[in-house]
Amino acid sequence: MRDLIEFAITRHLPERMLSDEAVTMMLAIGYQESRFEHRRQIRGPARGFWQFEHGGGVVGVLEHPATSVYAQDLCDDLCYARNSNDIYQAIADNDILAACFARLLLWTLPVGLPEVGDEDEAWRQYIEAWRPGKPHRKTWSDSYQYAVMGLS
């Protein structure tokens, strides 16, 4: 999964968006949200490994001042209309699109990403960016350790 994330970012987003901190957060969040097994939320509306919902996730990235231009360029690169409904549906089947949107959602945070190993700050930023309906702090430690091990 690390290779997919690195490929997606280096191919479609600015180089400064790729860092060990970004990859760690993306691995941890993807594992927390879907275990990288479910592209469609079980009994829910979310899509892609990072479990994007239409409103706060897809629309948020498309319209946020810090990410809208990057998201529009990404849609053009991948030949998708700049339409939130189309993107929301496509994220379920296009892992590159999903990974880039996950990175862009993290880019909307007002502070830099936490250093690798700062599990508590990573949890705080995950909650702030993803706003999960039922956050599970108990499983975050495993998800975060999965991510840190994925960097080795």
Foldseek 3Di string as FASTA:
>chain_A
DLVLLVCLCVVQHDPVLDDLLLQLLLQLQLCQQAVQPAQQDDVDGFGASNGDHQPQQQVVQCPPPQRVVSLCSNCVVVVHDSDSVRLRVCRRPDNSSVSVSSSSLLSSDPDDGDDLPCQVSSVVSCCVRVVDPDDDPVCSVVSSVSSSVVVD
